[in-house]
Protein backbone atom coordinates (compact mmCIF):
# COMPACT_ATOMS: atom_id res chain seq x y z
CA MET A 1 144.37 131.85 141.58
CA GLY A 2 144.72 134.10 138.56
CA LEU A 3 147.03 137.07 138.87
CA ALA A 4 145.33 140.30 139.84
CA PHE A 5 146.13 143.38 137.80
CA ARG A 6 145.60 146.82 139.31
CA SER A 7 144.37 148.32 136.08
CA ARG A 8 143.23 147.37 132.61
CA ILE A 9 145.69 145.04 130.91
CA GLU A 10 147.35 146.89 128.05
CA PRO A 11 149.01 144.83 125.31
CA GLU A 12 152.71 145.37 124.74
CA ALA A 13 154.10 144.80 121.25
CA ASP A 14 157.28 143.26 122.61
CA GLY A 15 155.49 141.33 125.37
CA THR A 16 156.80 137.89 126.21
CA VAL A 17 153.96 136.50 128.34
CA ALA A 18 150.40 135.94 127.13
CA VAL A 19 147.53 136.78 129.49
CA ILE A 20 144.44 134.56 129.46
CA GLN A 21 141.32 136.55 130.31
CA MET A 22 137.64 135.65 130.54
CA ARG A 23 137.02 136.79 126.95
CA ASP A 24 139.58 134.28 125.66
CA LEU A 25 137.43 131.30 126.67
CA THR A 26 134.94 130.05 124.10
CA GLU A 27 131.35 128.88 124.50
CA ASP A 28 132.47 125.31 123.91
CA ASN A 29 134.93 125.58 126.83
CA LYS A 30 138.18 125.88 124.91
CA LEU A 31 140.88 128.52 124.88
CA SER A 32 140.84 130.85 121.90
CA HIS A 33 144.57 131.51 121.92
CA ARG A 34 144.83 133.52 118.68
CA ASN A 35 144.08 136.95 120.20
CA LEU A 36 145.79 136.69 123.58
CA ILE A 37 147.27 139.94 124.85
CA THR A 38 150.98 139.80 125.58
CA ILE A 39 152.75 141.78 128.26
CA LYS A 40 156.23 142.07 129.72
CA MET A 41 156.62 140.47 133.13
CA ASP A 42 159.73 140.12 135.21
CA LYS A 43 160.18 137.58 137.98
CA LEU A 44 157.48 135.20 136.87
CA SER A 45 157.26 131.99 138.89
CA ASP A 46 156.77 128.66 137.08
CA ARG A 47 153.70 128.04 139.25
CA HIS A 48 151.95 130.95 137.54
CA LEU A 49 152.53 129.62 134.02
CA VAL A 50 149.79 127.58 132.39
CA LYS A 51 150.39 124.35 130.54
CA ARG A 52 148.55 122.35 127.94
CA ARG A 53 145.66 120.41 129.56
CA ASP A 54 145.34 122.87 132.48
CA LEU A 55 141.78 123.88 133.25
CA ILE A 56 140.67 127.47 133.51
CA PHE A 57 137.66 128.05 135.75
CA ARG A 58 135.40 131.07 135.38
CA SER A 59 134.75 131.98 139.01
CA ARG A 60 132.48 135.00 138.47
CA ARG A 61 129.41 136.05 136.52
CA GLN A 62 126.63 133.85 135.18
CA THR A 63 128.89 131.38 133.40
CA THR A 64 131.02 129.54 135.93
CA THR A 65 132.29 126.68 133.86
CA ALA A 66 135.71 125.24 133.23
CA ALA A 67 137.59 125.40 129.94
CA ILE A 68 140.56 123.32 128.94
CA ILE A 69 143.76 124.47 127.28
CA ASP A 70 143.83 121.94 124.49
CA THR A 71 146.85 123.23 122.60
CA LYS A 72 150.41 124.03 123.51
CA ILE A 73 150.94 127.75 123.95
CA GLY A 74 154.02 129.75 124.85
CA PRO A 75 154.51 131.36 128.24
CA ALA A 76 151.07 132.37 129.50
CA ILE A 77 149.40 133.30 132.77
CA VAL A 78 145.80 133.48 133.95
CA ALA A 79 144.30 136.81 135.01
CA ALA A 80 141.93 137.05 137.97
CA PRO A 81 139.07 136.28 138.44
CA LEU A 82 139.93 133.09 136.55
CA LEU A 83 141.31 130.13 138.45
CA ARG A 84 143.83 127.64 137.05
CA ILE A 85 143.33 123.98 137.87
CA ARG A 86 146.15 121.53 137.16
CA VAL A 87 145.49 117.82 137.39
CA THR A 88 148.46 116.09 138.99
CA SER A 89 146.99 112.62 139.51
CA LYS A 90 147.60 109.97 136.86
CA HIS A 91 144.13 108.60 137.67
CA VAL A 92 142.24 111.67 136.40
CA LEU A 93 142.00 112.92 132.84
CA PRO A 94 141.91 116.74 132.74
CA GLU A 95 139.28 116.53 129.99
CA TYR A 96 137.09 114.38 132.24
CA LEU A 97 137.42 116.80 135.14
CA CYS A 98 136.54 119.69 132.82
CA TRP A 99 133.47 117.78 131.60
CA PHE A 100 132.39 116.97 135.15
CA ILE A 101 132.75 120.54 136.44
CA ASN A 102 130.52 121.71 133.59
CA GLN A 103 127.72 119.22 134.34
CA PRO A 104 124.46 120.57 135.82
CA LEU A 105 124.92 118.62 139.07
CA ALA A 106 128.40 120.04 139.67
CA GLN A 107 127.26 123.52 138.60
CA ALA A 108 124.35 123.39 141.07
CA PHE A 109 126.74 122.35 143.85
CA LEU A 110 129.17 125.17 143.03
CA HIS A 111 126.40 127.78 142.78
CA SER A 112 125.06 126.67 146.15
CA ARG A 113 128.41 127.69 147.62
CA ALA A 114 128.75 130.97 145.72
CA THR A 115 129.24 134.16 147.70
CA GLY A 116 128.12 137.70 146.91
CA THR A 117 124.83 139.11 145.80
CA ALA A 118 125.21 141.43 142.81
CA MET A 119 128.29 139.61 141.52
CA THR A 120 128.44 136.01 142.65
CA VAL A 121 131.84 134.41 143.15
CA ILE A 122 132.71 130.75 143.37
CA GLY A 123 135.87 130.48 145.41
CA LYS A 124 138.65 127.95 145.47
CA SER A 125 137.18 126.40 148.63
CA ALA A 126 133.95 125.52 146.77
CA LEU A 127 135.98 123.78 144.08
CA ASP A 128 137.92 121.93 146.77
CA GLU A 129 134.64 120.65 148.25
CA LEU A 130 133.31 119.35 144.93
CA GLN A 131 133.08 115.55 145.07
CA VAL A 132 134.12 114.12 141.70
CA PRO A 133 133.21 110.51 140.90
CA LEU A 134 136.28 108.78 139.54
CA PRO A 135 135.68 105.92 137.11
CA ASP A 136 138.66 104.11 135.60
CA LEU A 137 140.63 105.89 132.84
CA ALA A 138 138.99 103.92 130.03
CA THR A 139 135.54 105.00 131.22
CA GLN A 140 136.74 108.60 131.59
CA GLU A 141 137.99 108.47 127.98
CA ARG A 142 134.63 107.14 126.77
CA ILE A 143 132.76 109.89 128.63
CA VAL A 144 135.01 112.56 127.11
CA ALA A 145 134.68 111.07 123.61
CA LEU A 146 130.88 110.97 123.92
CA ALA A 147 130.82 114.58 125.17
CA ASP A 148 133.01 115.67 122.23
CA LEU A 149 130.69 113.96 119.75
CA SER A 150 127.65 115.56 121.36
CA ASN A 151 129.30 119.01 121.20
CA LYS A 152 130.16 118.51 117.52
CA GLU A 153 126.59 117.43 116.80
CA GLN A 154 125.18 120.52 118.54
CA LYS A 155 127.54 122.77 116.58
CA LEU A 156 126.49 121.13 113.28
CA MET A 157 122.81 121.47 114.21
CA ARG A 158 123.26 125.20 114.91
CA GLU A 159 125.06 125.66 111.57
CA LEU A 160 122.34 123.69 109.76
CA ALA A 161 119.59 125.77 111.39
CA ALA A 162 121.34 129.01 110.37
CA LYS A 163 121.69 127.82 106.76
CA LYS A 164 118.08 126.68 106.67
CA GLU A 165 116.90 130.04 107.97
CA LYS A 166 118.95 131.82 105.30
CA LEU A 167 117.50 129.57 102.60
CA VAL A 168 113.91 130.06 103.78
CA ASN A 169 114.39 133.84 103.99
CA GLY A 170 115.77 133.84 100.44
CA ILE A 171 112.79 131.86 99.13
CA GLN A 172 110.37 134.14 100.97
CA MET A 173 112.02 137.25 99.50
CA GLN A 174 111.81 135.74 96.00
CA LEU A 175 108.12 135.02 96.48
CA ALA A 176 107.46 138.46 97.91
CA THR A 177 109.15 140.29 95.04
CA LYS A 178 107.65 138.31 92.12
């Protein structure tokens, strides 16, 4: 479970621990670590610290997907309502688990176990109940590689569409002002 703060998290210039919040997770389910707030924290247990390849699960709001910490960061913790998932089995790739949690079938299962009305919450128990198919590591690697390629393609297609729209608008403005 992410650490609960009683009030708004205020950055401290001489902070030694980064705090991962919902806003630090990107649309493509990665950690944007460049703008993490740092705070001072005494008596911090190792179990609260995140590591590279940990998953961060968004347990509230409309988007309830997992993101992976794909880079090494210094001392950092997760703020509630985020949940940290650490894969400890050598038979599961964290990237595969992240991919699976974000699939429509897994999302439908998790949403079916959400609680609350105005603000839905997916608790740790719902994640514990999620049945994850476990192919061999080579197959998991292929699934992750294919997902990465698909994500890159989608990003390129969005960039291409934006450039095309800009080009068409420019041509239209030239025609309109001739």
